[in-house]
Amino acid sequence: MLLVLLLPRTYAQQPTSEPPANTQESNAPGSEASSKEKGEERTTGLPKDLKWTFNFDAAWGTFGFAHSLYTDVRPDPSGNLSDSWFEGYVKPAISADVALGQSVLYGKLSGVGERTYGAPPVLVGESASSFKQEDVYLGWRSGTSLGGTEDLLDFTGGRAPYKIGHGFLVWDGAGEGGSRGGFWSNARKAWRYAGIARIKPKHNLIEGFFVERDDVPEAETRTRLTGINYEFSPAENSTFGFTYLRAFAHADVLPDRNGMNLLNGRMFTFMPGLPDLSFELEYVWEKNHNLMRSTAWYAQGAYQLSKVAWKPKLSYRYAFFQGDDPKTLRNEAFDPLYVGFYDWGTWWQGEIAGEYFLANSNNISHQARIHMSPKDSLGWGVIGYWFRLPRPSSFGSGATSSNVAFELDTYTDWKINKNFTLSVVAAYANPEQAVQQAYHRTSNFYYGMVYIAYAF
């Protein structure tokens, strides 16, 4: 069995470091410590009327399968297909705010360098590295310039991140893997271009958006998404949302997406009087004239025993993504667009199946999970999946069974200190009849990863 270490895909912001401790050397005449004692202010050399923030994120991970990703017999007789590989990335960033009276002008500039190496399998993208710009945007917030509601208006333009809800459809604005490297790390999030206008009256959010996907060069689709998003938050941790979206793409690459209309409704809420009980529900309808029509939805319930040691949280989720019916001219396969990660199992479902051979299309998943927190810096959990097919005939040649796989993942997230986080995951999956029929895979999957990240 292989062990997997995963780092949560989050970014911490820390203040700049303090001067050296009082030592004979640091207090020498002319030193920074000596200057500070005299009341002189340290300077970065940057304009003082701007509020500067510096961030630096980096991560490294090792990944492996106990068996090949493919069939029982490796398809590459040369032996160049490895069961293990490595990834790493660095992401320096600088952002600034400047007051314009009672409003604020803001911006951010960052870049990402990442590399995949160690003879990774073709699916991951083989050995590759790249460095390119990430965030390059400017924005304006109204602050208190428009009266009682702070930041009533907010406009952003440039290479910027943008997500809707919990990332069920729209989050990941840039492609990874292939010639860029970083298949799993997914360090890039910013869209090639994003224009976002926000109005935020009390308890409400109204967004108009246009985003263009920054695809991997060898898989360019020219996908653009435009629409309106509305969210109502009557209380903390309770949100009801609705989105209308129109998608465009290269007609010769993704004809079903080019001109597609999408409607999305969702709710994330805790029950009044029962703060440990929560529910999530989301539904999506897609249609592109006579070319395609599809639906997807999920429902989840969770209960946390907050007064019990380790605060165990139990949850169950059912998710449905329609598959294509080969007997019709219209395509019924759900288009999952660009999902994101905000917690284990969302929205890459399963560290084996969801990361490497199943998509959020032609898929039914049952997820049962328990998460525990022995202390604030440590989280541990187990997730079980049962994957099924609504349309077996669209899965692979010869597939007639609806049963795809059973998967069991266990993970540990350890916040070592304010800068370093370490995660461990071990995963097992049993290929069931549909995989055996379509790909002749009978051996179990064993997967592991070690991943450590630094955030400043």
Protein backbone atom coordinates (compact mmCIF):
# COMPACT_ATOMS: atom_id res chain seq x y z
CA MET A 1 0.00 0.00 0.00
CA LEU A 2 1.20 3.48 -0.78
CA LEU A 3 0.88 6.46 1.48
CA VAL A 4 -0.29 9.78 0.15
CA LEU A 5 0.38 13.14 1.76
CA LEU A 6 -1.87 15.96 0.63
CA LEU A 7 -1.71 19.64 1.36
CA PRO A 8 -5.01 21.50 1.56
CA ARG A 9 -5.34 23.87 -1.35
CA THR A 10 -5.45 27.00 0.73
CA TYR A 11 -3.21 30.00 1.09
CA ALA A 12 -2.16 31.60 4.38
CA GLN A 13 -1.05 35.19 4.71
CA GLN A 14 1.57 36.05 7.31
CA PRO A 15 3.16 39.37 8.35
CA THR A 16 6.71 40.16 7.37
CA SER A 17 9.35 38.87 9.75
CA GLU A 18 10.63 40.91 12.70
CA PRO A 19 14.24 42.14 12.97
CA PRO A 20 16.82 39.76 14.48
CA ALA A 21 16.77 39.16 18.21
CA ASN A 22 18.96 41.44 20.33
CA THR A 23 22.52 40.25 19.80
CA GLN A 24 25.84 42.02 19.84
CA GLU A 25 25.95 41.87 16.04
CA SER A 26 22.39 43.03 15.39
CA ASN A 27 22.75 46.00 17.77
CA ALA A 28 25.96 47.23 16.17
CA PRO A 29 25.97 50.89 15.13
CA GLY A 30 24.25 51.29 11.78
CA SER A 31 22.36 47.96 12.04
CA GLU A 32 18.57 47.72 11.50
CA ALA A 33 18.00 46.97 15.19
CA SER A 34 20.03 50.02 16.16
CA SER A 35 18.04 52.17 13.74
CA LYS A 36 14.77 50.88 15.18
CA GLU A 37 15.89 51.78 18.71
CA LYS A 38 16.44 55.34 17.49
CA GLY A 39 12.86 55.45 16.28
CA GLU A 40 13.71 55.32 12.60
CA GLU A 41 11.09 53.59 10.47
CA ARG A 42 12.10 50.59 8.33
CA THR A 43 11.18 51.00 4.66
CA THR A 44 10.68 48.71 1.68
CA GLY A 45 11.37 51.47 -0.81
CA LEU A 46 7.77 51.19 -2.09
CA PRO A 47 5.29 54.09 -2.06
CA LYS A 48 4.06 54.60 1.52
CA ASP A 49 0.51 55.60 0.59
CA LEU A 50 -0.15 52.03 -0.65
CA LYS A 51 -0.85 49.07 1.63
CA TRP A 52 1.40 46.26 0.34
CA THR A 53 0.98 42.53 0.99
CA PHE A 54 3.58 39.95 0.05
CA ASN A 55 2.82 36.23 -0.21
CA PHE A 56 4.90 33.24 -1.13
CA ASP A 57 3.41 29.75 -1.51
CA ALA A 58 5.27 26.57 -2.38
CA ALA A 59 4.50 22.84 -2.30
CA TRP A 60 6.04 19.50 -3.15
CA GLY A 61 4.46 16.08 -3.38
CA THR A 62 5.14 12.50 -4.35
CA PHE A 63 2.40 10.32 -5.86
CA GLY A 64 2.20 6.63 -6.66
CA PHE A 65 0.11 3.64 -7.68
CA ALA A 66 0.89 0.10 -6.55
CA HIS A 67 -0.34 -1.04 -9.99
CA SER A 68 -0.47 0.70 -13.35
CA LEU A 69 -3.20 3.25 -13.98
CA TYR A 70 -4.39 1.21 -16.91
CA THR A 71 -5.03 -2.48 -17.49
CA ASP A 72 -3.50 -5.46 -15.72
CA VAL A 73 -0.79 -5.55 -18.42
CA ARG A 74 0.99 -2.24 -18.96
CA PRO A 75 0.34 -0.81 -22.43
CA ASP A 76 3.92 0.52 -22.72
CA PRO A 77 6.30 -2.42 -23.39
CA SER A 78 9.35 -0.16 -23.09
CA GLY A 79 8.76 0.20 -19.37
CA ASN A 80 8.70 4.02 -19.62
CA LEU A 81 5.40 4.20 -17.76
CA SER A 82 6.08 4.74 -14.08
CA ASP A 83 3.76 4.05 -11.18
CA SER A 84 5.16 7.02 -9.22
CA TRP A 85 6.06 10.63 -9.93
CA PHE A 86 6.71 14.00 -8.26
CA GLU A 87 5.28 17.51 -8.46
CA GLY A 88 6.24 20.88 -7.04
CA TYR A 89 5.42 24.55 -7.47
CA VAL A 90 6.26 28.04 -6.23
CA LYS A 91 3.94 31.05 -6.29
CA PRO A 92 5.26 34.51 -5.34
CA ALA A 93 2.67 37.30 -5.14
CA ILE A 94 2.35 40.97 -4.32
CA SER A 95 -0.90 42.87 -3.83
CA ALA A 96 -1.69 46.46 -2.94
CA ASP A 97 -4.58 48.66 -1.80
CA VAL A 98 -4.65 52.43 -2.18
CA ALA A 99 -7.30 54.66 -0.64
CA LEU A 100 -9.14 56.97 -3.03
CA GLY A 101 -11.02 59.06 -0.52
CA GLN A 102 -13.49 56.62 1.03
CA SER A 103 -13.15 54.03 -1.76
CA VAL A 104 -10.26 51.65 -2.50
CA LEU A 105 -8.30 50.77 -5.64
CA TYR A 106 -6.67 47.35 -5.40
CA GLY A 107 -4.59 44.99 -7.51
CA LYS A 108 -2.48 41.85 -7.47
CA LEU A 109 0.45 40.43 -9.40
CA SER A 110 1.65 36.83 -9.06
CA GLY A 111 3.31 34.05 -11.01
CA VAL A 112 3.42 30.26 -10.80
CA GLY A 113 6.30 27.97 -11.60
CA GLU A 114 5.58 24.25 -11.46
CA ARG A 115 7.12 20.99 -12.49
CA THR A 116 6.09 17.35 -12.88
CA TYR A 117 8.94 14.85 -13.05
CA GLY A 118 10.02 11.30 -12.22
CA ALA A 119 8.56 9.52 -15.30
CA PRO A 120 4.86 10.21 -14.66
CA PRO A 121 2.20 8.34 -16.67
CA VAL A 122 0.82 9.90 -19.85
CA LEU A 123 -2.46 10.77 -18.15
CA VAL A 124 -0.62 13.07 -15.74
CA GLY A 125 1.25 14.75 -18.57
CA GLU A 126 4.76 13.27 -18.58
CA SER A 127 7.75 15.28 -17.32
CA ALA A 128 7.13 18.99 -17.86
CA SER A 129 7.74 22.38 -16.25
CA SER A 130 6.59 25.94 -16.83
CA PHE A 131 6.58 29.42 -15.33
CA LYS A 132 4.01 32.04 -16.28
CA GLN A 133 1.95 34.86 -14.87
CA GLU A 134 -1.02 34.01 -12.63
CA ASP A 135 -2.89 36.97 -11.06
CA VAL A 136 -2.64 40.24 -12.98
CA TYR A 137 -5.68 42.35 -12.14
CA LEU A 138 -6.98 45.68 -10.88
CA GLY A 139 -10.18 46.41 -9.02
CA TRP A 140 -12.17 49.08 -7.24
CA ARG A 141 -14.31 48.84 -4.08
CA SER A 142 -16.69 51.58 -3.07
CA GLY A 143 -15.80 51.36 0.65
CA THR A 144 -18.02 53.78 2.57
CA SER A 145 -18.27 56.29 -0.28
CA LEU A 146 -21.86 55.30 -1.10
CA GLY A 147 -23.36 55.55 2.36
CA GLY A 148 -24.15 52.99 5.02
CA THR A 149 -23.31 49.75 3.19
CA GLU A 150 -19.58 49.14 3.03
CA ASP A 151 -18.23 47.96 -0.35
CA LEU A 152 -21.65 48.13 -1.97
CA LEU A 153 -19.95 48.08 -5.38
CA ASP A 154 -16.90 46.06 -6.39
CA PHE A 155 -15.39 45.77 -9.89
CA THR A 156 -12.48 43.53 -10.95
CA GLY A 157 -10.77 43.13 -14.32
CA GLY A 158 -7.76 41.21 -15.62
CA ARG A 159 -6.29 37.75 -14.95
CA ALA A 160 -8.22 36.96 -11.77
CA PRO A 161 -9.79 34.05 -9.90
CA TYR A 162 -13.56 33.64 -9.81
CA LYS A 163 -15.75 30.92 -8.35
CA ILE A 164 -19.44 30.26 -7.80
CA GLY A 165 -20.69 28.57 -4.63
CA HIS A 166 -18.62 25.57 -3.59
CA GLY A 167 -17.04 25.08 -6.98
CA PHE A 168 -19.54 22.56 -8.35
CA LEU A 169 -19.27 24.18 -11.82
CA VAL A 170 -17.09 27.28 -11.91
CA TRP A 171 -13.78 27.69 -10.05
CA ASP A 172 -10.65 26.42 -11.80
CA GLY A 173 -9.79 29.04 -14.42
CA ALA A 174 -6.52 27.54 -15.69
CA GLY A 175 -5.51 24.15 -17.07
CA GLU A 176 -2.77 22.02 -15.49
CA GLY A 177 -0.75 18.97 -16.47
CA GLY A 178 0.45 18.38 -20.01
CA SER A 179 3.17 20.81 -21.05
CA ARG A 180 2.64 22.94 -17.91
CA GLY A 181 3.16 20.28 -15.26
CA GLY A 182 1.43 20.32 -11.87
CA PHE A 183 -1.40 17.88 -12.70
CA TRP A 184 -2.51 17.31 -9.08
CA SER A 185 -1.10 20.43 -7.40
CA ASN A 186 -3.37 22.68 -9.48
CA ALA A 187 -1.57 25.84 -8.36
CA ARG A 188 -3.11 27.98 -11.09
CA LYS A 189 -6.66 29.25 -10.55
CA ALA A 190 -6.88 32.58 -12.41
CA TRP A 191 -8.89 32.85 -15.61
CA ARG A 192 -7.11 34.16 -18.72
CA TYR A 193 -9.45 37.12 -18.45
CA ALA A 194 -12.11 37.86 -15.84
CA GLY A 195 -14.44 40.83 -15.69
CA ILE A 196 -16.61 40.82 -12.54
CA ALA A 197 -19.09 43.43 -11.29
CA ARG A 198 -20.53 42.96 -7.80
CA ILE A 199 -23.37 44.67 -5.95
CA LYS A 200 -23.60 43.71 -2.27
CA PRO A 201 -26.61 45.17 -0.45
CA LYS A 202 -27.24 43.72 3.00
CA HIS A 203 -27.52 39.89 2.96
CA ASN A 204 -27.46 39.92 -0.87
CA LEU A 205 -24.84 39.49 -3.58
CA ILE A 206 -25.46 40.17 -7.27
CA GLU A 207 -22.65 39.42 -9.73
CA GLY A 208 -22.30 39.91 -13.45
CA PHE A 209 -19.32 38.05 -14.86
CA PHE A 210 -17.37 37.19 -17.98
CA VAL A 211 -14.46 34.73 -17.72
CA GLU A 212 -12.23 33.07 -20.31
CA ARG A 213 -10.48 29.78 -19.60
CA ASP A 214 -6.67 29.64 -19.68
CA ASP A 215 -6.32 26.17 -21.19
CA VAL A 216 -3.18 24.10 -21.55
CA PRO A 217 -1.82 25.07 -25.03
CA GLU A 218 -2.19 21.58 -26.51
CA ALA A 219 -5.85 21.37 -25.38
CA GLU A 220 -7.16 24.83 -26.23
CA THR A 221 -10.97 25.11 -26.24
CA ARG A 222 -11.44 28.93 -26.07
CA THR A 223 -14.17 28.43 -23.49
CA ARG A 224 -15.85 31.63 -22.29
CA LEU A 225 -18.53 31.85 -19.61
CA THR A 226 -20.79 34.82 -19.03
CA GLY A 227 -23.80 35.25 -16.81
CA ILE A 228 -25.44 36.52 -13.61
CA ASN A 229 -25.06 35.07 -10.13
CA TYR A 230 -27.31 35.90 -7.14
CA GLU A 231 -26.85 34.83 -3.52
CA PHE A 232 -28.94 35.50 -0.42
CA SER A 233 -27.38 34.91 3.02
CA PRO A 234 -30.00 35.43 5.73
CA ALA A 235 -27.67 34.15 8.46
CA GLU A 236 -24.08 33.11 8.99
CA ASN A 237 -23.27 29.82 7.18
CA SER A 238 -26.58 29.85 5.29
CA THR A 239 -26.67 30.78 1.61
CA PHE A 240 -29.25 30.37 -1.16
CA GLY A 241 -28.04 30.98 -4.70
CA PHE A 242 -29.14 31.05 -8.33
CA THR A 243 -27.00 31.38 -11.47
CA TYR A 244 -27.71 31.80 -15.17
CA LEU A 245 -24.71 31.09 -17.38
CA ARG A 246 -24.06 31.08 -21.12
CA ALA A 247 -21.05 29.13 -22.41
CA PHE A 248 -19.10 29.54 -25.65
CA ALA A 249 -16.23 27.47 -27.09
CA HIS A 250 -14.51 26.53 -30.35
CA ALA A 251 -17.36 25.02 -32.38
CA ASP A 252 -15.06 22.41 -33.93
CA VAL A 253 -13.67 21.35 -30.53
CA LEU A 254 -16.69 21.51 -28.19
CA PRO A 255 -19.78 22.01 -30.36
CA ASP A 256 -22.16 21.01 -27.55
CA ARG A 257 -20.71 23.68 -25.23
CA ASN A 258 -20.68 26.49 -27.82
CA GLY A 259 -23.94 28.36 -27.13
CA MET A 260 -24.97 26.24 -24.13
CA ASN A 261 -27.35 27.73 -21.55
CA LEU A 262 -27.11 26.70 -17.90
CA LEU A 263 -29.33 27.25 -14.86
CA ASN A 264 -28.07 26.47 -11.35
CA GLY A 265 -29.88 26.61 -8.01
CA ARG A 266 -28.26 25.78 -4.65
CA MET A 267 -28.55 26.04 -0.89
CA PHE A 268 -26.04 25.57 1.92
CA THR A 269 -27.66 25.92 5.31
CA PHE A 270 -27.66 24.97 8.98
CA MET A 271 -30.94 24.16 10.69
CA PRO A 272 -32.35 26.82 13.07
CA GLY A 273 -31.92 25.65 16.64
CA LEU A 274 -29.71 22.74 15.52
CA PRO A 275 -26.30 24.31 14.81
CA ASP A 276 -24.62 20.91 14.37
CA LEU A 277 -26.96 19.80 11.56
CA SER A 278 -26.35 21.07 8.02
CA PHE A 279 -27.70 20.45 4.51
CA GLU A 280 -26.50 21.13 0.98
CA LEU A 281 -28.51 20.85 -2.21
CA GLU A 282 -27.58 21.87 -5.75
CA TYR A 283 -29.24 21.36 -9.13
CA VAL A 284 -27.99 22.16 -12.66
CA TRP A 285 -29.84 22.16 -15.99
CA GLU A 286 -27.96 22.49 -19.29
CA LYS A 287 -29.30 22.90 -22.84
CA ASN A 288 -27.88 23.84 -26.23
CA HIS A 289 -30.78 23.85 -28.72
CA ASN A 290 -31.07 20.36 -30.24
CA LEU A 291 -27.40 19.48 -29.69
CA MET A 292 -27.47 18.65 -25.98
CA ARG A 293 -29.61 18.62 -22.88
CA SER A 294 -28.52 17.34 -19.48
CA THR A 295 -28.91 17.62 -15.72
CA ALA A 296 -26.90 17.04 -12.55
CA TRP A 297 -27.63 17.42 -8.85
CA TYR A 298 -26.49 16.43 -5.40
CA ALA A 299 -27.86 16.40 -1.87
CA GLN A 300 -25.83 16.16 1.33
CA GLY A 301 -26.61 16.00 5.02
CA ALA A 302 -24.09 16.29 7.84
CA TYR A 303 -24.15 16.17 11.62
CA GLN A 304 -21.29 17.10 13.94
CA LEU A 305 -21.03 15.86 17.52
CA SER A 306 -19.48 19.11 18.73
CA LYS A 307 -19.61 18.22 22.43
CA VAL A 308 -17.86 14.87 22.00
CA ALA A 309 -14.08 14.41 22.03
CA TRP A 310 -12.47 14.89 18.59
CA LYS A 311 -15.76 16.48 17.40
CA PRO A 312 -16.66 13.75 14.87
CA LYS A 313 -18.66 14.92 11.86
CA LEU A 314 -20.73 12.38 9.91
CA SER A 315 -22.05 13.06 6.43
CA TYR A 316 -23.69 11.37 3.46
CA ARG A 317 -23.91 12.70 -0.09
CA TYR A 318 -25.72 11.47 -3.20
CA ALA A 319 -24.59 12.97 -6.52
CA PHE A 320 -26.06 12.38 -9.99
CA PHE A 321 -24.53 13.42 -13.33
CA GLN A 322 -26.47 12.41 -16.44
CA GLY A 323 -24.83 10.31 -19.16
CA ASP A 324 -25.34 10.20 -22.90
CA ASP A 325 -27.86 7.85 -24.52
CA PRO A 326 -26.19 6.53 -27.71
CA LYS A 327 -29.61 5.77 -29.20
CA THR A 328 -30.49 9.48 -29.57
CA LEU A 329 -29.04 12.18 -31.82
CA ARG A 330 -28.91 14.66 -28.94
CA ASN A 331 -26.10 14.47 -26.36
CA GLU A 332 -27.33 13.90 -22.81
CA ALA A 333 -23.88 13.76 -21.16
CA PHE A 334 -23.49 16.41 -18.45
CA ASP A 335 -20.80 19.05 -19.10
CA PRO A 336 -19.01 19.49 -15.71
CA LEU A 337 -17.21 22.71 -16.76
CA TYR A 338 -14.41 23.64 -14.31
CA VAL A 339 -14.80 22.31 -10.79
CA GLY A 340 -12.75 23.36 -7.76
CA PHE A 341 -11.48 21.99 -4.46
CA TYR A 342 -12.72 23.30 -1.12
CA ASP A 343 -12.73 20.08 0.93
CA TRP A 344 -11.85 16.44 0.46
CA GLY A 345 -14.13 14.84 -2.13
CA THR A 346 -15.26 18.14 -3.68
CA TRP A 347 -15.39 18.26 -6.52
CA TRP A 348 -12.87 15.66 -7.59
CA GLN A 349 -14.67 12.63 -6.20
CA GLY A 350 -12.20 10.06 -4.91
CA GLU A 351 -8.42 10.27 -4.85
CA ILE A 352 -8.29 7.39 -7.35
CA ALA A 353 -11.50 7.38 -9.38
CA GLY A 354 -12.27 11.11 -9.44
CA GLU A 355 -8.68 12.21 -9.99
CA TYR A 356 -7.73 9.70 -12.69
CA PHE A 357 -10.50 7.82 -14.50
CA LEU A 358 -13.98 9.17 -13.65
CA ALA A 359 -15.42 12.60 -14.43
CA ASN A 360 -18.51 14.40 -13.15
CA SER A 361 -20.44 13.11 -16.14
CA ASN A 362 -22.25 9.78 -16.59
CA ASN A 363 -21.66 9.19 -12.90
CA ILE A 364 -23.69 8.39 -9.80
CA SER A 365 -21.80 8.52 -6.52
CA HIS A 366 -22.68 7.62 -2.95
CA GLN A 367 -20.28 9.22 -0.46
CA ALA A 368 -20.17 8.43 3.27
CA ARG A 369 -17.65 10.27 5.42
CA ILE A 370 -16.46 10.72 8.99
CA HIS A 371 -14.12 13.57 9.93
CA MET A 372 -12.50 14.09 13.34
CA SER A 373 -10.30 16.79 14.87
CA PRO A 374 -8.19 15.53 17.78
CA LYS A 375 -6.90 19.12 18.09
CA ASP A 376 -7.12 22.37 16.17
CA SER A 377 -3.96 21.66 14.17
CA LEU A 378 -4.87 18.08 13.25
CA GLY A 379 -7.73 16.64 11.18
CA TRP A 380 -8.36 13.03 10.20
CA GLY A 381 -11.05 11.31 8.22
CA VAL A 382 -12.27 8.36 6.18
CA ILE A 383 -14.36 8.62 2.99
CA GLY A 384 -16.12 5.74 1.27
CA TYR A 385 -17.49 5.90 -2.31
CA TRP A 386 -19.65 3.65 -4.41
CA PHE A 387 -19.62 4.72 -8.06
CA ARG A 388 -22.31 3.68 -10.55
CA LEU A 389 -23.22 4.54 -14.16
CA PRO A 390 -26.58 5.91 -15.32
CA ARG A 391 -25.58 4.94 -18.93
CA PRO A 392 -23.19 1.92 -18.99
CA SER A 393 -23.10 1.88 -22.81
CA SER A 394 -21.38 5.31 -22.78
CA PHE A 395 -18.64 4.23 -20.39
CA GLY A 396 -16.64 1.96 -22.66
CA SER A 397 -16.92 -0.70 -25.30
CA GLY A 398 -18.68 -3.78 -23.96
CA ALA A 399 -19.84 -2.27 -20.66
CA THR A 400 -23.32 -3.41 -19.62
CA SER A 401 -23.08 -3.23 -15.82
CA SER A 402 -23.83 -0.08 -13.85
CA ASN A 403 -21.29 -0.88 -11.12
CA VAL A 404 -17.96 0.96 -11.62
CA ALA A 405 -15.94 0.88 -8.42
CA PHE A 406 -15.85 0.99 -4.65
CA GLU A 407 -13.24 3.34 -3.17
CA LEU A 408 -12.01 3.98 0.36
CA ASP A 409 -9.83 7.02 1.17
CA THR A 410 -8.27 8.00 4.49
CA TYR A 411 -6.53 11.33 5.03
CA THR A 412 -4.68 13.29 7.71
CA ASP A 413 -4.09 17.05 7.63
CA TRP A 414 -1.49 18.37 10.06
CA LYS A 415 -0.86 22.09 10.48
CA ILE A 416 2.78 21.84 11.60
CA ASN A 417 3.09 25.57 12.31
CA LYS A 418 1.78 28.84 10.90
CA ASN A 419 3.61 28.26 7.60
CA PHE A 420 3.80 24.50 6.95
CA THR A 421 0.98 22.00 6.41
CA LEU A 422 1.33 18.29 5.82
CA SER A 423 -1.37 15.92 4.63
CA VAL A 424 -1.40 12.13 4.32
CA VAL A 425 -3.80 10.07 2.23
CA ALA A 426 -3.97 6.35 1.56
CA ALA A 427 -6.52 5.13 -0.98
CA TYR A 428 -7.89 1.81 -2.21
CA ALA A 429 -10.34 1.09 -5.02
CA ASN A 430 -11.93 -2.12 -6.23
CA PRO A 431 -12.82 -2.12 -9.96
CA GLU A 432 -16.25 -3.64 -10.45
CA GLN A 433 -18.05 -5.16 -13.43
CA ALA A 434 -18.20 -2.09 -15.72
CA VAL A 435 -14.44 -1.52 -15.50
CA GLN A 436 -13.76 -5.22 -15.98
CA GLN A 437 -16.02 -5.37 -19.04
CA ALA A 438 -14.73 -2.18 -20.73
CA TYR A 439 -11.02 -2.23 -19.81
CA HIS A 440 -10.35 -5.77 -18.56
CA ARG A 441 -9.08 -4.36 -15.26
CA THR A 442 -9.49 -6.84 -12.41
CA SER A 443 -6.67 -5.93 -9.99
CA ASN A 444 -7.38 -3.54 -7.13
CA PHE A 445 -5.94 -0.01 -7.14
CA TYR A 446 -3.67 1.15 -4.30
CA TYR A 447 -2.68 4.80 -4.31
CA GLY A 448 -0.63 7.03 -2.09
CA MET A 449 0.63 10.58 -1.94
CA VAL A 450 2.87 12.72 0.30
CA TYR A 451 2.35 16.46 -0.02
CA ILE A 452 3.77 19.35 2.02
CA ALA A 453 3.09 23.04 1.47
CA TYR A 454 4.49 26.32 2.71
CA ALA A 455 2.50 29.54 2.84
CA PHE A 456 3.75 33.00 3.81
